[in-house]
């Protein structure tokens, strides 16, 4: 169980999970339970686990990560509990194997630890002092990632702007960024996290000059009042922070800015909080992340006369202001063409895929047609709102389009119909459902104003039958776009009514929007439903 010590809520969830694991340990006594990460490094946590969670076999902090195989070996051979949470400086172990999720985005640690000791932050106590990796090791890792096809690479550190200060031959972060930018390959460079006191004009110039560096910066300011910043030990003033932001915006006008902020720092007054709101109004961040002082830090023992109700009221004022700013900034993207990198599958049933802009803004994408289906897989790039897709391109050429779909093939049809109508093309849309109760997107298609035909298997709505029955009644067309499960595509493909034109077929599997298509596949165990019995196919 890998843990983080930044937020109190996360720690409570960890304890809850550890408690639940007592049942799995009873059911399987051979199970080995490990607690690691920053939370495990805190002495009070390690002692609590030692006394109250005796089913946990191994506890180790971030500094001992490189020794994990050795520690696990001790657990297996000694058959006793192992704790490795000493307050040590920490070592950097190179050439350790790395397991990465996906083939699109990658993260590269360039340094560890922090020397800043902000009074609210637990990081220096659990991650140790700043330790920088050798630049040649970092560059070698990035070269391997670029050669492997990774297209979004993030350089990581508790304070990346402090990189290199501890090296025998100092090299600052700006120079490292330039060196990474010079590595051949088509990839984007991001980095986090930065501290304002170390964010220099040289860094901003480097960001502006290097074409691979993303136009985005996360620069925490935490509070807008100088007295509070001093108590926080931030080592910069409000005006110094604002001067840096002005300099950055002058060099990179389209920079996407995000920040961290603390509302209700111990001793903060409402008047001092007003200074924070003024910073928001001037900087106009794209997004904000709120933060609270942690137990075990100096701030946790400071006098704090402001009531929880007053803090909540201030917090609500801040979020209302930032929400309005974010909405305005995000609305400015509407109608723009933005180059994005598709990086995964969407958890929103209305869209298939997720993508990120260079400024790290989330975009949800509907794959439309075979052309987009090929391009819209994690690791590919596309122009959002650019009008790509076989259906759009063919219809734009003058062919009258027929759009046919069922089940999870309907959402892509909606996006394609939207594009066509915006381009002055009026498609005919045919949708198939099991029953009227399963029908969805009808109101949305109706609002678009395109000609709509509906079929239901039980005859409760529109034509009795399914998509194939609709296809028999479609008007003559020069182009047919069909989207849905493979059995439906095969059935439509064989209809004589749809011969002579151009076709685009897109297969969709799984279920969505509550419309079951009954997709099945023959296996040695008989005919099996793909969604319900999917794992059996692997056998």
Protein backbone atom coordinates (compact mmCIF):
# COMPACT_ATOMS: atom_id res chain seq x y z
CA UNK A 1 0.00 0.00 0.00
CA UNK A 2 1.82 3.11 -1.25
CA UNK A 3 0.94 6.25 0.69
CA UNK A 4 1.13 10.05 0.67
CA UNK A 5 1.47 12.27 3.73
CA UNK A 6 0.39 15.58 2.19
CA UNK A 7 -3.35 15.40 3.02
CA UNK A 8 -5.05 14.23 6.20
CA UNK A 9 -7.99 12.67 4.34
CA UNK A 10 -5.64 10.34 2.45
CA UNK A 11 -4.10 9.14 5.74
CA UNK A 12 -7.52 8.31 7.19
CA UNK A 13 -8.31 6.24 4.10
CA UNK A 14 -5.05 4.34 4.55
CA UNK A 15 -5.94 3.38 8.12
CA UNK A 16 -9.36 2.25 6.93
CA UNK A 17 -7.80 0.09 4.24
CA UNK A 18 -5.31 -1.41 6.70
CA UNK A 19 -8.19 -2.32 8.99
CA UNK A 20 -10.05 -4.02 6.14
CA UNK A 21 -6.95 -6.06 5.27
CA UNK A 22 -7.20 -7.95 8.57
CA UNK A 23 -9.90 -10.07 6.90
CA UNK A 24 -7.78 -10.90 3.85
CA UNK A 25 -4.89 -11.83 6.15
CA UNK A 26 -7.10 -14.20 8.14
CA UNK A 27 -8.35 -15.80 4.93
CA UNK A 28 -4.80 -16.09 3.58
CA UNK A 29 -2.15 -16.16 6.35
CA UNK A 30 0.62 -16.35 3.73
CA UNK A 31 -0.33 -12.91 2.42
CA UNK A 32 2.40 -10.26 2.82
CA UNK A 33 1.12 -6.75 3.57
CA UNK A 34 3.52 -3.81 3.02
CA UNK A 35 2.99 -0.16 3.93
CA UNK A 36 5.35 2.22 2.16
CA UNK A 37 5.64 5.83 1.01
CA UNK A 38 5.75 9.16 2.83
CA UNK A 39 3.09 8.36 5.40
CA UNK A 40 5.06 5.27 6.50
CA UNK A 41 8.14 7.47 7.11
CA UNK A 42 6.41 9.45 9.85
CA UNK A 43 7.51 8.07 13.27
CA UNK A 44 4.04 8.34 14.83
CA UNK A 45 2.51 6.42 11.91
CA UNK A 46 5.13 3.67 12.02
CA UNK A 47 4.57 3.28 15.77
CA UNK A 48 0.78 3.19 15.36
CA UNK A 49 1.11 0.45 12.73
CA UNK A 50 3.55 -1.43 14.95
CA UNK A 51 1.12 -1.40 17.90
CA UNK A 52 -2.35 -1.46 16.32
CA UNK A 53 -1.99 -3.15 12.90
CA UNK A 54 0.01 -6.24 13.73
CA UNK A 55 -1.02 -7.95 10.48
CA UNK A 56 1.20 -5.52 8.52
CA UNK A 57 4.48 -7.31 7.72
CA UNK A 58 6.66 -4.59 6.22
CA UNK A 59 6.84 -0.81 6.70
CA UNK A 60 9.35 1.37 4.88
CA UNK A 61 9.71 5.00 3.84
CA UNK A 62 10.68 6.63 0.52
CA UNK A 63 14.38 6.67 1.34
CA UNK A 64 14.36 2.86 1.61
CA UNK A 65 12.51 2.21 -1.66
CA UNK A 66 15.67 1.07 -3.43
CA UNK A 67 16.10 -1.62 -0.72
CA UNK A 68 12.60 -3.05 -1.21
CA UNK A 69 13.77 -6.45 -2.61
CA UNK A 70 16.14 -6.85 0.34
CA UNK A 71 13.45 -5.89 2.86
CA UNK A 72 10.93 -8.27 1.31
CA UNK A 73 13.54 -11.04 1.42
CA UNK A 74 13.94 -10.39 5.15
CA UNK A 75 10.19 -10.75 5.66
CA UNK A 76 10.15 -14.11 3.89
CA UNK A 77 13.28 -15.53 5.54
CA UNK A 78 12.92 -14.18 9.10
CA UNK A 79 9.15 -14.68 9.26
CA UNK A 80 8.93 -11.54 11.37
CA UNK A 81 7.86 -7.95 10.90
CA UNK A 82 10.33 -5.54 9.28
CA UNK A 83 10.41 -1.75 9.78
CA UNK A 84 12.78 0.48 7.80
CA UNK A 85 11.84 4.06 8.69
CA UNK A 86 15.11 5.48 9.96
CA UNK A 87 15.58 9.23 9.61
CA UNK A 88 18.28 8.93 6.96
CA UNK A 89 19.45 11.34 4.29
CA UNK A 90 18.50 8.90 1.54
CA UNK A 91 20.41 7.50 -1.38
CA UNK A 92 19.92 7.68 -5.12
CA UNK A 93 20.04 4.23 -6.71
CA UNK A 94 20.41 4.24 -10.48
CA UNK A 95 19.69 1.47 -12.99
CA UNK A 96 16.69 0.20 -11.02
CA UNK A 97 13.99 -1.39 -13.22
CA UNK A 98 10.97 0.86 -13.82
CA UNK A 99 7.42 -0.32 -14.42
CA UNK A 100 5.42 2.28 -16.37
CA UNK A 101 1.70 2.50 -16.98
CA UNK A 102 0.86 2.95 -20.64
CA UNK A 103 3.06 3.97 -23.54
CA UNK A 104 2.11 7.61 -23.86
CA UNK A 105 3.05 9.55 -20.72
CA UNK A 106 6.08 9.03 -18.49
CA UNK A 107 7.48 10.62 -15.33
CA UNK A 108 11.18 11.06 -14.60
CA UNK A 109 12.45 11.94 -11.13
CA UNK A 110 15.30 14.44 -11.31
CA UNK A 111 15.74 15.08 -7.58
CA UNK A 112 14.40 14.06 -4.19
CA UNK A 113 13.80 15.86 -0.91
CA UNK A 114 13.33 19.49 0.08
CA UNK A 115 15.35 22.05 2.06
CA UNK A 116 12.69 24.76 2.35
CA UNK A 117 10.88 23.77 5.56
CA UNK A 118 7.70 25.74 4.99
CA UNK A 119 6.01 25.68 8.39
CA UNK A 120 2.86 23.89 7.15
CA UNK A 121 4.56 21.17 5.04
CA UNK A 122 5.50 17.63 6.05
CA UNK A 123 7.64 16.91 2.97
CA UNK A 124 11.13 17.74 4.38
CA UNK A 125 10.45 15.46 7.34
CA UNK A 126 9.51 12.44 5.23
CA UNK A 127 11.56 12.93 2.03
CA UNK A 128 14.82 14.19 3.53
CA UNK A 129 17.19 16.85 2.18
CA UNK A 130 17.53 17.75 -1.48
CA UNK A 131 19.41 15.19 -3.56
CA UNK A 132 19.87 15.67 -7.31
CA UNK A 133 20.41 12.91 -9.85
CA UNK A 134 23.37 13.24 -12.17
CA UNK A 135 22.32 15.03 -15.40
CA UNK A 136 23.75 12.28 -17.61
CA UNK A 137 21.52 9.70 -15.87
CA UNK A 138 18.43 11.87 -16.36
CA UNK A 139 19.22 12.54 -20.02
CA UNK A 140 19.86 8.84 -20.66
CA UNK A 141 16.45 7.97 -19.21
CA UNK A 142 14.68 10.61 -21.31
CA UNK A 143 16.47 9.39 -24.46
CA UNK A 144 15.20 5.87 -23.80
CA UNK A 145 11.65 7.17 -23.32
CA UNK A 146 11.78 9.24 -26.50
CA UNK A 147 13.13 6.29 -28.47
CA UNK A 148 10.32 4.11 -27.06
CA UNK A 149 7.72 6.55 -28.37
CA UNK A 150 6.63 8.34 -25.18
CA UNK A 151 5.17 11.71 -26.13
CA UNK A 152 4.54 13.42 -22.78
CA UNK A 153 7.45 13.41 -20.29
CA UNK A 154 7.23 15.09 -16.87
CA UNK A 155 10.34 15.93 -14.82
CA UNK A 156 9.60 15.45 -11.12
CA UNK A 157 10.98 16.80 -7.87
CA UNK A 158 9.73 18.27 -4.60
CA UNK A 159 11.29 21.53 -5.83
CA UNK A 160 12.66 21.11 -9.36
CA UNK A 161 13.93 24.71 -9.42
CA UNK A 162 16.52 23.75 -6.78
CA UNK A 163 17.93 21.02 -9.02
CA UNK A 164 21.71 20.75 -9.18
CA UNK A 165 22.66 22.88 -6.19
CA UNK A 166 24.09 19.83 -4.38
CA UNK A 167 25.99 18.37 -7.36
CA UNK A 168 29.84 18.42 -7.40
CA UNK A 169 29.60 20.44 -10.63
CA UNK A 170 26.45 22.55 -10.17
CA UNK A 171 23.96 22.63 -13.04
CA UNK A 172 20.78 24.60 -12.65
CA UNK A 173 17.32 23.44 -13.72
CA UNK A 174 17.15 25.78 -16.72
CA UNK A 175 20.28 24.18 -18.19
CA UNK A 176 18.85 20.69 -17.61
CA UNK A 177 15.60 21.72 -19.29
CA UNK A 178 17.54 22.95 -22.34
CA UNK A 179 19.48 19.69 -22.50
CA UNK A 180 16.27 17.61 -22.37
CA UNK A 181 14.75 19.82 -25.06
CA UNK A 182 17.72 19.05 -27.35
CA UNK A 183 17.06 15.29 -27.26
CA UNK A 184 15.70 14.17 -30.67
CA UNK A 185 12.06 13.07 -30.75
CA UNK A 186 8.48 14.30 -30.86
CA UNK A 187 7.55 14.73 -27.20
CA UNK A 188 6.32 17.37 -24.78
CA UNK A 189 8.21 18.31 -21.60
CA UNK A 190 6.45 19.18 -18.35
CA UNK A 191 7.84 19.65 -14.84
CA UNK A 192 6.67 20.02 -11.27
CA UNK A 193 6.76 21.23 -8.57
CA UNK A 194 8.31 24.73 -8.52
CA UNK A 195 8.98 27.14 -5.67
CA UNK A 196 8.60 30.89 -6.40
CA UNK A 197 11.85 31.83 -4.69
CA UNK A 198 13.80 29.67 -7.17
CA UNK A 199 11.72 30.44 -10.29
CA UNK A 200 13.98 32.81 -12.20
CA UNK A 201 13.88 34.94 -15.34
CA UNK A 202 16.34 32.46 -16.86
CA UNK A 203 13.83 29.64 -16.31
CA UNK A 204 11.03 31.61 -17.97
CA UNK A 205 13.28 32.49 -20.92
CA UNK A 206 14.21 28.82 -21.28
CA UNK A 207 10.56 27.78 -21.26
CA UNK A 208 9.77 30.34 -23.95
CA UNK A 209 12.73 29.33 -26.11
CA UNK A 210 12.41 25.53 -25.91
CA UNK A 211 9.75 24.33 -28.34
CA UNK A 212 9.18 21.04 -26.49
CA UNK A 213 8.47 22.64 -23.11
CA UNK A 214 4.71 22.81 -22.47
CA UNK A 215 3.24 26.29 -21.87
CA UNK A 216 2.11 25.44 -18.37
CA UNK A 217 3.49 26.18 -14.90
CA UNK A 218 2.35 25.12 -11.44
CA UNK A 219 3.71 27.83 -9.11
CA UNK A 220 2.27 27.70 -5.57
CA UNK A 221 1.88 31.05 -3.81
CA UNK A 222 -0.09 29.77 -0.75
CA UNK A 223 -1.14 33.21 0.55
CA UNK A 224 -1.37 36.81 -0.65
CA UNK A 225 -0.38 38.55 2.57
CA UNK A 226 3.28 39.25 3.39
CA UNK A 227 2.93 38.63 7.15
CA UNK A 228 1.38 35.22 6.55
CA UNK A 229 4.01 34.37 3.91
CA UNK A 230 6.73 35.17 6.45
CA UNK A 231 5.11 32.97 9.12
CA UNK A 232 4.86 30.22 6.47
CA UNK A 233 8.63 30.62 5.85
CA UNK A 234 8.00 31.01 2.12
CA UNK A 235 10.94 33.40 1.61
CA UNK A 236 9.21 35.55 -0.97
CA UNK A 237 6.74 38.43 -0.79
CA UNK A 238 3.47 38.95 -2.56
CA UNK A 239 4.98 41.59 -4.88
CA UNK A 240 7.96 39.38 -5.72
CA UNK A 241 5.55 36.61 -6.73
CA UNK A 242 3.47 38.97 -8.87
CA UNK A 243 6.60 40.37 -10.55
CA UNK A 244 7.58 36.83 -11.57
CA UNK A 245 4.11 36.18 -12.98
CA UNK A 246 4.19 39.41 -14.99
CA UNK A 247 7.61 38.49 -16.38
CA UNK A 248 6.39 34.99 -17.29
CA UNK A 249 3.25 36.27 -19.04
CA UNK A 250 5.30 38.75 -21.02
CA UNK A 251 7.51 35.93 -22.32
CA UNK A 252 4.73 33.31 -22.75
CA UNK A 253 1.39 35.13 -23.20
CA UNK A 254 -0.64 31.90 -23.48
CA UNK A 255 0.87 30.31 -20.35
CA UNK A 256 -1.51 28.08 -18.35
CA UNK A 257 -1.02 28.84 -14.65
CA UNK A 258 -2.06 26.74 -11.68
CA UNK A 259 -1.23 27.16 -8.00
CA UNK A 260 -1.68 25.93 -4.43
CA UNK A 261 -3.31 27.99 -1.71
CA UNK A 262 -4.01 27.71 2.01
CA UNK A 263 -7.22 29.20 3.36
CA UNK A 264 -7.27 29.81 7.11
CA UNK A 265 -3.59 29.44 7.94
CA UNK A 266 -3.18 29.68 11.73
CA UNK A 267 -3.47 33.33 12.78
CA UNK A 268 -4.72 34.58 9.38
CA UNK A 269 -7.36 37.30 9.65
CA UNK A 270 -10.17 37.96 7.18
CA UNK A 271 -8.43 41.20 6.16
CA UNK A 272 -5.26 39.24 5.37
CA UNK A 273 -7.32 36.71 3.43
CA UNK A 274 -8.60 39.58 1.25
CA UNK A 275 -5.01 40.00 -0.01
CA UNK A 276 -5.15 36.44 -1.30
CA UNK A 277 -8.30 37.20 -3.30
CA UNK A 278 -6.54 40.20 -4.84
CA UNK A 279 -3.75 37.92 -6.08
CA UNK A 280 -6.34 35.64 -7.71
CA UNK A 281 -7.98 38.60 -9.42
CA UNK A 282 -4.67 39.83 -10.85
CA UNK A 283 -3.05 36.52 -11.84
CA UNK A 284 -6.25 34.75 -12.97
CA UNK A 285 -5.11 31.17 -12.54
CA UNK A 286 -6.53 28.44 -14.76
CA UNK A 287 -6.99 26.21 -11.72
CA UNK A 288 -6.24 26.16 -7.98
CA UNK A 289 -5.59 23.43 -5.42
CA UNK A 290 -6.32 24.08 -1.75
CA UNK A 291 -4.16 22.79 1.08
CA UNK A 292 -4.15 22.52 4.89
CA UNK A 293 -1.26 22.43 7.41
CA UNK A 294 -0.28 18.92 8.50
CA UNK A 295 0.12 17.43 11.97
CA UNK A 296 3.81 17.19 12.80
CA UNK A 297 4.67 20.59 11.31
CA UNK A 298 5.27 23.88 13.20
CA UNK A 299 1.99 25.32 11.84
CA UNK A 300 -0.02 22.58 13.55
CA UNK A 301 0.91 23.97 17.00
CA UNK A 302 0.39 27.68 16.21
CA UNK A 303 -2.42 29.71 17.77
CA UNK A 304 -5.45 29.72 15.52
CA UNK A 305 -8.23 32.04 16.77
CA UNK A 306 -10.36 32.03 13.58
CA UNK A 307 -13.40 29.76 13.83
CA UNK A 308 -14.03 26.90 11.44
CA UNK A 309 -17.18 28.68 10.23
CA UNK A 310 -15.20 31.80 9.28
CA UNK A 311 -12.61 29.69 7.44
CA UNK A 312 -15.35 27.86 5.56
CA UNK A 313 -16.94 31.18 4.54
CA UNK A 314 -13.57 32.43 3.24
CA UNK A 315 -12.98 29.14 1.45
CA UNK A 316 -16.36 29.42 -0.28
CA UNK A 317 -15.56 32.98 -1.38
CA UNK A 318 -12.25 31.84 -2.83
CA UNK A 319 -13.70 28.86 -4.70
CA UNK A 320 -16.53 30.99 -6.11
CA UNK A 321 -14.03 33.52 -7.45
CA UNK A 322 -11.72 30.86 -8.89
CA UNK A 323 -14.64 28.92 -10.42
CA UNK A 324 -15.74 32.05 -12.25
CA UNK A 325 -12.20 32.69 -13.51
CA UNK A 326 -11.73 29.06 -14.59
CA UNK A 327 -15.08 29.03 -16.39
CA UNK A 328 -14.20 32.17 -18.30
CA UNK A 329 -10.75 30.87 -19.27
CA UNK A 330 -12.09 27.46 -20.32
CA UNK A 331 -14.92 29.01 -22.33
CA UNK A 332 -12.28 30.78 -24.41
CA UNK A 333 -11.32 27.38 -25.89
CA UNK A 334 -14.72 26.95 -27.56
CA UNK A 335 -14.38 27.08 -31.34
CA UNK A 336 -10.58 26.85 -31.27
CA UNK A 337 -8.53 24.11 -32.91
CA UNK A 338 -6.06 22.74 -30.37
CA UNK A 339 -3.46 20.06 -30.89
CA UNK A 340 -4.01 17.40 -28.22
CA UNK A 341 -2.47 14.10 -27.21
CA UNK A 342 -4.93 11.25 -26.67
CA UNK A 343 -3.84 9.58 -23.44
CA UNK A 344 -6.51 7.13 -22.34
CA UNK A 345 -10.08 5.93 -22.14
CA UNK A 346 -12.77 8.25 -20.77
CA UNK A 347 -14.82 7.41 -17.68
CA UNK A 348 -17.63 9.60 -19.07
CA UNK A 349 -20.15 7.44 -20.95
CA UNK A 350 -20.76 10.22 -23.49
CA UNK A 351 -17.18 10.13 -24.73
CA UNK A 352 -14.73 7.41 -25.68
CA UNK A 353 -11.31 8.90 -25.02
CA UNK A 354 -9.45 11.53 -23.05
CA UNK A 355 -6.79 13.88 -24.34
CA UNK A 356 -4.66 16.71 -22.97
CA UNK A 357 -3.84 20.06 -24.45
CA UNK A 358 -0.23 21.29 -24.23
CA UNK A 359 -1.46 23.36 -21.26
CA UNK A 360 -2.63 20.11 -19.61
CA UNK A 361 -6.35 20.91 -19.95
CA UNK A 362 -8.51 17.77 -20.09
CA UNK A 363 -10.40 17.15 -23.34
CA UNK A 364 -12.95 14.36 -23.79
CA UNK A 365 -13.12 12.97 -27.31
CA UNK A 366 -15.74 11.05 -29.29
CA UNK A 367 -14.07 8.78 -31.85
CA UNK A 368 -15.93 9.23 -35.13
CA UNK A 369 -15.49 6.77 -37.96
CA UNK A 370 -12.76 4.39 -38.97
CA UNK A 371 -10.36 7.25 -39.65
CA UNK A 372 -10.62 8.61 -36.12
CA UNK A 373 -10.78 5.14 -34.62
CA UNK A 374 -7.33 4.44 -36.01
CA UNK A 375 -5.95 7.80 -34.91
CA UNK A 376 -7.71 8.13 -31.55
CA UNK A 377 -5.83 5.50 -29.57
CA UNK A 378 -3.61 6.38 -26.60
CA UNK A 379 -0.37 7.83 -27.91
CA UNK A 380 -1.73 9.48 -31.03
CA UNK A 381 -2.33 13.13 -31.68
CA UNK A 382 -5.34 14.77 -33.25
CA UNK A 383 -6.71 18.21 -33.90
CA UNK A 384 -9.78 18.63 -31.71
CA UNK A 385 -12.64 20.35 -33.61
CA UNK A 386 -10.70 20.06 -36.87
CA UNK A 387 -13.33 18.02 -38.75
CA UNK A 388 -11.44 14.77 -39.18
CA UNK A 389 -13.14 11.42 -39.80
CA UNK A 390 -14.21 9.48 -42.89
CA UNK A 391 -17.84 10.42 -42.44
CA UNK A 392 -17.20 14.14 -42.27
CA UNK A 393 -14.71 14.17 -45.15
CA UNK A 394 -16.93 12.16 -47.50
CA UNK A 395 -20.09 14.11 -46.69
CA UNK A 396 -18.19 17.36 -47.17
CA UNK A 397 -17.49 16.15 -50.71
CA UNK A 398 -21.20 16.26 -51.58
CA UNK A 399 -22.38 12.73 -50.82
CA UNK A 400 -25.73 12.48 -48.98
CA UNK A 401 -24.93 10.73 -45.69
CA UNK A 402 -26.92 8.05 -43.85
CA UNK A 403 -25.84 7.47 -40.25
CA UNK A 404 -26.91 4.12 -38.75
CA UNK A 405 -26.17 2.99 -35.22
CA UNK A 406 -27.18 0.98 -32.20
CA UNK A 407 -26.09 0.65 -28.57
CA UNK A 408 -22.75 2.25 -27.87
CA UNK A 409 -22.42 3.19 -31.51
CA UNK A 410 -24.95 6.00 -31.04
CA UNK A 411 -22.75 8.51 -29.17
CA UNK A 412 -20.19 8.76 -32.01
CA UNK A 413 -23.10 9.27 -34.44
CA UNK A 414 -24.30 12.22 -32.40
CA UNK A 415 -20.90 13.91 -32.53
CA UNK A 416 -20.61 13.24 -36.27
CA UNK A 417 -24.14 14.56 -36.98
CA UNK A 418 -23.29 17.70 -35.00
CA UNK A 419 -20.25 18.36 -37.15
CA UNK A 420 -22.13 17.73 -40.39
CA UNK A 421 -24.94 20.11 -39.52
CA UNK A 422 -22.48 22.80 -38.49
CA UNK A 423 -20.93 22.41 -41.95
CA UNK A 424 -24.32 22.72 -43.69
CA UNK A 425 -24.72 18.97 -44.34
CA UNK A 426 -28.10 17.38 -43.40
CA UNK A 427 -27.67 13.66 -42.61
CA UNK A 428 -30.40 11.07 -42.18
CA UNK A 429 -29.96 9.24 -38.86
CA UNK A 430 -31.28 5.76 -38.08
CA UNK A 431 -31.08 4.42 -34.52
CA UNK A 432 -31.97 0.97 -33.19
CA UNK A 433 -32.96 -0.06 -29.65
CA UNK A 434 -34.38 -3.12 -27.89
CA UNK A 435 -37.34 -1.10 -26.61
CA UNK A 436 -38.59 2.46 -26.22
CA UNK A 437 -37.45 2.35 -22.59
CA UNK A 438 -33.87 1.76 -23.75
CA UNK A 439 -33.90 4.68 -26.17
CA UNK A 440 -31.44 7.47 -25.49
CA UNK A 441 -30.06 10.50 -27.31
CA UNK A 442 -33.40 10.92 -29.12
CA UNK A 443 -34.04 14.34 -27.61
CA UNK A 444 -30.48 15.40 -28.42
CA UNK A 445 -30.79 14.32 -32.05
CA UNK A 446 -34.19 16.04 -32.23
CA UNK A 447 -32.62 19.32 -31.11
CA UNK A 448 -30.06 19.02 -33.88
CA UNK A 449 -32.86 19.03 -36.43
CA UNK A 450 -31.64 16.15 -38.60
CA UNK A 451 -34.07 13.60 -40.09
CA UNK A 452 -34.42 10.81 -37.51
CA UNK A 453 -35.65 7.21 -37.92
CA UNK A 454 -36.04 4.89 -34.93
CA UNK A 455 -36.58 1.13 -34.68
CA UNK A 456 -37.25 -0.92 -31.56
CA UNK A 457 -37.15 -4.68 -31.33
CA UNK A 458 -40.45 -4.84 -29.45
CA UNK A 459 -42.16 -2.26 -31.68
CA UNK A 460 -42.84 0.12 -28.79
CA UNK A 461 -41.27 3.04 -30.63
CA UNK A 462 -40.92 3.68 -34.37
CA UNK A 463 -40.45 0.77 -36.76
CA UNK A 464 -40.64 -2.74 -35.32
CA UNK A 465 -37.28 -4.35 -35.79
CA UNK A 466 -33.73 -3.16 -35.55
CA UNK A 467 -31.07 -1.21 -37.44
CA UNK A 468 -31.14 -3.68 -40.33
CA UNK A 469 -34.87 -3.03 -40.76
CA UNK A 470 -34.26 0.71 -40.86
CA UNK A 471 -31.57 0.24 -43.48
CA UNK A 472 -34.13 -1.35 -45.80
CA UNK A 473 -36.11 1.90 -45.82
CA UNK A 474 -33.38 4.50 -46.04
CA UNK A 475 -33.44 6.83 -49.05
CA UNK A 476 -30.81 6.50 -51.74
CA UNK A 477 -27.50 7.62 -50.37
CA UNK A 478 -23.99 8.19 -51.54
CA UNK A 479 -22.45 7.43 -48.18
CA UNK A 480 -23.37 5.26 -45.18
CA UNK A 481 -21.70 5.45 -41.79
CA UNK A 482 -22.53 2.50 -39.53
CA UNK A 483 -21.40 2.30 -35.92
CA UNK A 484 -22.15 -0.43 -33.40
CA UNK A 485 -21.25 -3.98 -32.32
CA UNK A 486 -19.69 -6.32 -34.88
CA UNK A 487 -22.80 -8.55 -35.35
CA UNK A 488 -24.82 -5.49 -36.33
CA UNK A 489 -22.15 -4.32 -38.78
CA UNK A 490 -22.08 -7.71 -40.48
CA UNK A 491 -25.86 -7.75 -40.84
CA UNK A 492 -26.02 -4.22 -42.30
CA UNK A 493 -23.07 -4.83 -44.60
CA UNK A 494 -24.91 -7.60 -46.41
CA UNK A 495 -28.04 -5.58 -47.24
CA UNK A 496 -28.53 -4.99 -50.99
CA UNK A 497 -30.06 -1.55 -50.27
CA UNK A 498 -26.64 -0.26 -49.24
CA UNK A 499 -24.66 -1.33 -52.29
CA UNK A 500 -23.12 1.09 -54.75
CA UNK A 501 -22.21 3.82 -52.28
CA UNK A 502 -19.23 4.41 -50.01
CA UNK A 503 -19.21 2.94 -46.53
CA UNK A 504 -17.49 3.40 -43.19
CA UNK A 505 -17.95 0.79 -40.49
CA UNK A 506 -16.83 1.16 -36.90
CA UNK A 507 -17.04 -1.71 -34.42
CA UNK A 508 -17.79 -0.96 -30.76
CA UNK A 509 -17.66 -3.49 -27.94
CA UNK A 510 -18.91 -3.32 -24.36
CA UNK A 511 -22.11 -1.74 -23.19
CA UNK A 512 -23.10 1.86 -22.59
CA UNK A 513 -26.08 4.13 -21.96
CA UNK A 514 -28.15 1.18 -20.68
CA UNK A 515 -28.74 -0.17 -24.20
CA UNK A 516 -27.74 -3.84 -24.33
CA UNK A 517 -26.84 -5.12 -27.79
CA UNK A 518 -26.48 -8.77 -26.77
CA UNK A 519 -22.97 -9.04 -28.21
CA UNK A 520 -21.82 -12.65 -28.15
CA UNK A 521 -18.94 -14.81 -29.32
CA UNK A 522 -18.55 -18.54 -29.89
CA UNK A 523 -16.13 -20.21 -27.50
CA UNK A 524 -15.33 -23.80 -26.67
CA UNK A 525 -17.73 -23.32 -23.74
CA UNK A 526 -20.55 -22.36 -26.07
CA UNK A 527 -21.99 -18.99 -27.09
CA UNK A 528 -20.93 -16.40 -24.49
CA UNK A 529 -21.98 -12.81 -23.94
CA UNK A 530 -18.89 -10.65 -24.36
CA UNK A 531 -19.66 -8.13 -21.63
CA UNK A 532 -20.91 -10.61 -19.03
CA UNK A 533 -18.61 -13.54 -19.72
CA UNK A 534 -15.61 -11.69 -21.11
CA UNK A 535 -12.96 -13.33 -18.89
CA UNK A 536 -13.89 -16.78 -20.22
CA UNK A 537 -12.51 -15.76 -23.62
CA UNK A 538 -9.03 -15.67 -22.13
CA UNK A 539 -9.38 -19.32 -21.13
